[in-house]
Protein backbone atom coordinates (compact mmCIF):
# COMPACT_ATOMS: atom_id res chain seq x y z
CA MET A 1 120.93 102.51 155.62
CA ASN A 2 119.65 99.71 157.99
CA LEU A 3 119.44 95.88 157.27
CA LYS A 4 115.43 96.17 157.29
CA SER A 5 115.20 98.81 154.43
CA THR A 6 118.31 96.77 152.66
CA SER A 7 116.14 93.69 152.94
CA VAL A 8 113.07 95.71 152.19
CA GLN A 9 114.90 96.85 148.74
CA LYS A 10 115.95 93.59 147.57
CA VAL A 11 112.34 91.79 148.15
CA ALA A 12 111.35 94.81 145.70
CA LEU A 13 113.64 94.43 143.21
CA LEU A 14 113.16 90.34 143.32
CA ALA A 15 109.29 90.75 142.94
CA LEU A 16 109.98 93.65 140.49
CA THR A 17 112.02 91.14 138.57
CA PHE A 18 110.07 88.13 139.13
CA GLY A 19 106.67 89.83 138.08
CA ALA A 20 108.47 91.62 134.79
CA THR A 21 109.32 87.54 133.52
CA ILE A 22 106.06 86.76 134.29
CA ALA A 23 104.57 89.38 132.49
CA PHE A 24 106.42 87.84 129.36
CA VAL A 25 105.69 84.18 129.88
CA GLN A 26 101.77 84.66 130.16
CA PRO A 27 100.31 87.04 127.76
CA ASN A 28 98.57 90.33 128.60
CA PHE A 29 95.74 90.99 126.57
CA ALA A 30 95.13 94.23 125.31
CA GLN A 31 91.43 93.79 124.80
CA GLY A 32 89.99 93.83 128.63
CA ASN A 33 88.66 91.43 130.57
CA GLU A 34 85.97 90.22 128.25
CA ASN A 35 88.43 87.68 127.00
CA SER A 36 86.85 84.28 127.55
CA ASN A 37 84.20 84.74 125.11
CA ARG A 38 86.70 85.75 122.57
CA THR A 39 88.27 83.20 120.02
CA PHE A 40 90.83 86.08 118.51
CA LEU A 41 92.60 88.52 120.47
CA CYS A 42 95.92 90.83 120.65
CA GLY A 43 97.77 90.65 123.85
CA ALA A 44 101.36 91.04 125.00
CA TYR A 45 104.02 88.23 124.55
CA LYS A 46 107.95 87.45 125.04
CA ASN A 47 109.16 91.13 124.42
CA SER A 48 106.46 91.63 121.73
CA TYR A 49 102.75 91.70 120.88
CA ALA A 50 100.88 88.77 119.32
CA THR A 51 97.11 87.78 117.95
CA PHE A 52 96.28 84.80 119.84
CA VAL A 53 93.41 82.27 119.01
CA ASN A 54 91.71 80.50 121.91
CA ASN A 55 92.18 76.85 122.17
CA ARG A 56 89.27 75.69 124.08
CA GLN A 57 90.16 72.22 124.37
CA VAL A 58 93.22 73.01 127.09
CA GLY A 59 92.00 76.39 128.10
CA GLN A 60 94.48 78.41 126.84
CA TYR A 61 95.28 81.15 123.89
CA ILE A 62 97.91 80.01 121.34
CA PRO A 63 99.86 83.00 119.95
CA PHE A 64 100.18 82.43 115.72
CA ILE A 65 100.67 86.28 114.49
CA TYR A 66 103.87 87.98 116.07
CA TRP A 67 103.93 91.34 115.38
CA ASN A 68 107.36 92.73 115.59
CA SER A 69 108.05 95.03 112.14
CA ASP A 70 108.36 98.72 112.54
CA TYR A 71 107.58 99.02 108.98
CA PHE A 72 104.29 100.58 108.83
CA ARG A 73 104.68 102.93 111.62
CA ARG A 74 105.01 105.69 109.34
CA GLY A 75 101.43 105.26 108.51
CA GLY A 76 100.38 105.40 112.02
CA HIS A 77 100.30 101.32 112.88
CA ASP A 78 103.14 100.57 115.25
CA PRO A 79 103.08 96.87 115.82
CA VAL A 80 100.77 97.54 119.28
CA SER A 81 97.90 99.01 116.84
CA ARG A 82 98.44 96.58 113.99
CA CYS A 83 97.90 93.53 116.59
CA ARG A 84 94.93 95.19 118.18
CA THR A 85 93.41 96.17 114.61
CA VAL A 86 94.28 92.72 113.18
CA SER A 87 93.10 90.96 115.69
CA ASP A 88 89.80 92.91 116.29
CA LYS A 89 89.61 92.26 112.16
CA PHE A 90 89.88 88.36 113.08
CA GLU A 91 87.39 88.25 115.71
CA SER A 92 84.50 90.16 113.98
CA GLU A 93 84.64 88.13 110.88
CA TYR A 94 84.58 85.04 113.03
CA LYS A 95 81.54 86.25 115.22
CA LYS A 96 79.65 87.34 111.95
CA ASP A 97 80.78 83.49 110.30
CA ARG A 98 82.36 85.13 107.47
CA LEU A 99 85.86 83.92 108.96
CA ASN A 100 85.63 80.86 106.25
CA TYR A 101 89.34 80.67 104.62
CA ILE A 102 92.14 83.10 104.62
CA THR A 103 94.23 83.58 101.19
CA SER A 104 95.97 86.56 99.99
CA GLY A 105 95.17 88.98 97.12
CA SER A 106 96.19 92.50 96.10
CA ARG A 107 94.70 95.73 96.97
CA GLY A 108 95.93 98.43 94.97
CA ARG A 109 99.62 97.58 94.91
CA GLN A 110 100.13 96.17 98.28
CA THR A 111 99.55 92.43 99.23
CA VAL A 112 97.07 91.86 101.95
CA ILE A 113 96.07 88.46 103.74
CA CYS A 114 92.14 88.02 103.43
CA THR A 115 89.15 86.46 104.30
CA ALA A 116 87.72 84.36 101.26
CA ALA A 117 84.26 82.94 101.19
CA ARG A 118 85.44 79.57 99.79
CA LYS A 119 88.20 77.74 98.33
CA GLY A 120 89.18 79.27 95.22
CA GLY A 121 87.29 82.38 96.03
CA GLU A 122 88.55 86.08 95.87
CA CYS A 123 89.32 88.41 98.71
CA VAL A 124 86.30 89.59 100.69
CA GLU A 125 88.03 91.36 103.69
CA VAL A 126 91.44 92.61 104.37
CA LEU A 127 92.93 91.43 107.46
CA PHE A 128 96.35 92.89 107.21
CA THR A 129 98.79 94.09 104.58
CA LEU A 130 102.12 92.67 103.66
CA LYS A 131 105.34 94.49 103.40
CA PRO A 132 106.64 95.04 100.12
CA GLY A 133 108.57 92.05 98.95
CA ASP A 134 106.92 89.81 101.58
CA ASP A 135 106.29 86.55 100.08
CA ALA A 136 101.96 85.81 100.92
CA ASP A 137 102.08 82.15 100.60
CA ARG A 138 105.24 81.59 102.78
CA VAL A 139 103.67 83.88 105.50
CA LEU A 140 100.41 82.03 105.64
CA ARG A 141 102.44 78.75 106.28
CA GLU A 142 104.35 80.39 108.72
CA ILE A 143 101.15 81.93 110.59
CA PHE A 144 99.23 78.72 110.68
CA GLU A 145 102.64 76.06 111.44
CA ILE A 146 101.38 74.62 114.92
CA ARG A 147 102.99 71.95 116.32
CA THR A 148 101.74 69.44 119.15
CA LEU A 149 103.22 69.72 122.57
CA GLY A 150 106.37 67.27 123.10
CA SER A 151 106.91 66.95 119.34
CA ASN A 152 109.18 69.12 116.92
CA LYS A 153 106.73 67.63 114.19
CA PRO A 154 104.00 70.14 112.75
CA VAL A 155 100.24 68.98 113.26
CA GLU A 156 99.53 67.91 109.51
CA GLN A 157 98.63 71.34 107.32
CA SER A 158 96.85 69.43 104.72
CA SER A 159 93.83 69.20 106.45
CA TYR A 160 93.47 73.09 106.89
CA ILE A 161 95.93 74.51 104.13
CA THR A 162 95.22 73.72 100.46
CA ARG A 163 96.85 75.47 97.14
CA GLU A 164 93.55 76.42 94.87
CA SER A 165 93.59 78.29 91.60
CA ALA A 166 91.44 81.75 91.72
CA ASN A 167 91.40 84.15 88.56
CA GLY A 168 94.67 82.17 86.66
CA GLU A 169 96.59 82.49 90.54
CA THR A 170 97.52 79.53 92.27
CA ARG A 171 97.54 80.20 96.14
CA PHE A 172 96.99 79.07 99.35
CA TYR A 173 93.78 78.90 101.33
CA VAL A 174 93.38 78.21 104.85
CA ASP A 175 90.17 76.61 106.04
CA VAL A 176 89.67 78.33 109.29
CA SER A 177 87.36 75.93 111.06
CA SER A 178 89.63 72.95 110.18
CA PHE A 179 92.55 75.06 111.87
CA ILE A 180 90.57 76.06 114.97
CA ARG A 181 89.96 72.10 115.32
CA ALA A 182 93.25 71.26 114.77
CA LEU A 183 93.98 73.42 117.78
CA ASP A 184 91.19 71.64 119.85
CA ARG A 185 92.50 68.21 118.71
CA ASN A 186 96.01 68.48 119.57
CA ARG A 187 98.03 69.99 122.59
CA ILE A 188 99.53 72.80 120.84
CA ARG A 189 102.49 74.70 121.28
CA ARG A 190 104.20 77.67 119.16
C-alpha cells in the first residue's frame, strides 16, 4: 500500500467519522425539504428520533418528544413511524387551528395524549397512545418542560400548563399557543 492511498483512506475515515457526528448533532428531518413552513416535524436526533417544534425567534427547531420505545413495534409502529405519524398529526391539527390545548384521556382501555378545544374539554383528536402504566400527567410535564439557554431552571410552566377538572377527573391541559410563545420569548434548550 502506498503513502498516497493510506492518506486518502485516513481522510475518508475522518470524513465519515466527522460526518456521522454532525448527523446526530443537527437534526435530519424526515418530512422532506418543505420544513421551513412547518411548525412540527420529525427528525433524527442523538441516535434516535424526535418530534420538533419550530422556534421561529431563533430560527431553529427544538426537540420536545423523543421516540425511543419499541413497545408499539408489534403493532407496526417503530419509533421512526410513530415520530412521523405523530409529528404529522401535530402539524395537521395546528394548521387547522385545532391544536388549542393538549391533554390526556382514554380511548377504549388505553391512555392517550390528545387535543382539546378548551381547558377542561374532552379529547377531540388522539395525538398518540401511551404505554400501559405510563402516568399521563408526568408525560405531559416532561414533554413540555423547556429550559432557557445558560440556565438549569425551566421556563415557568404555569403560563401554559394548568390542571383542570373534566367530568370528575383532574388532569393537565397545555395551552399550545402559550407554549409556542414561551419558546419564541426565550432562548431555549432541551
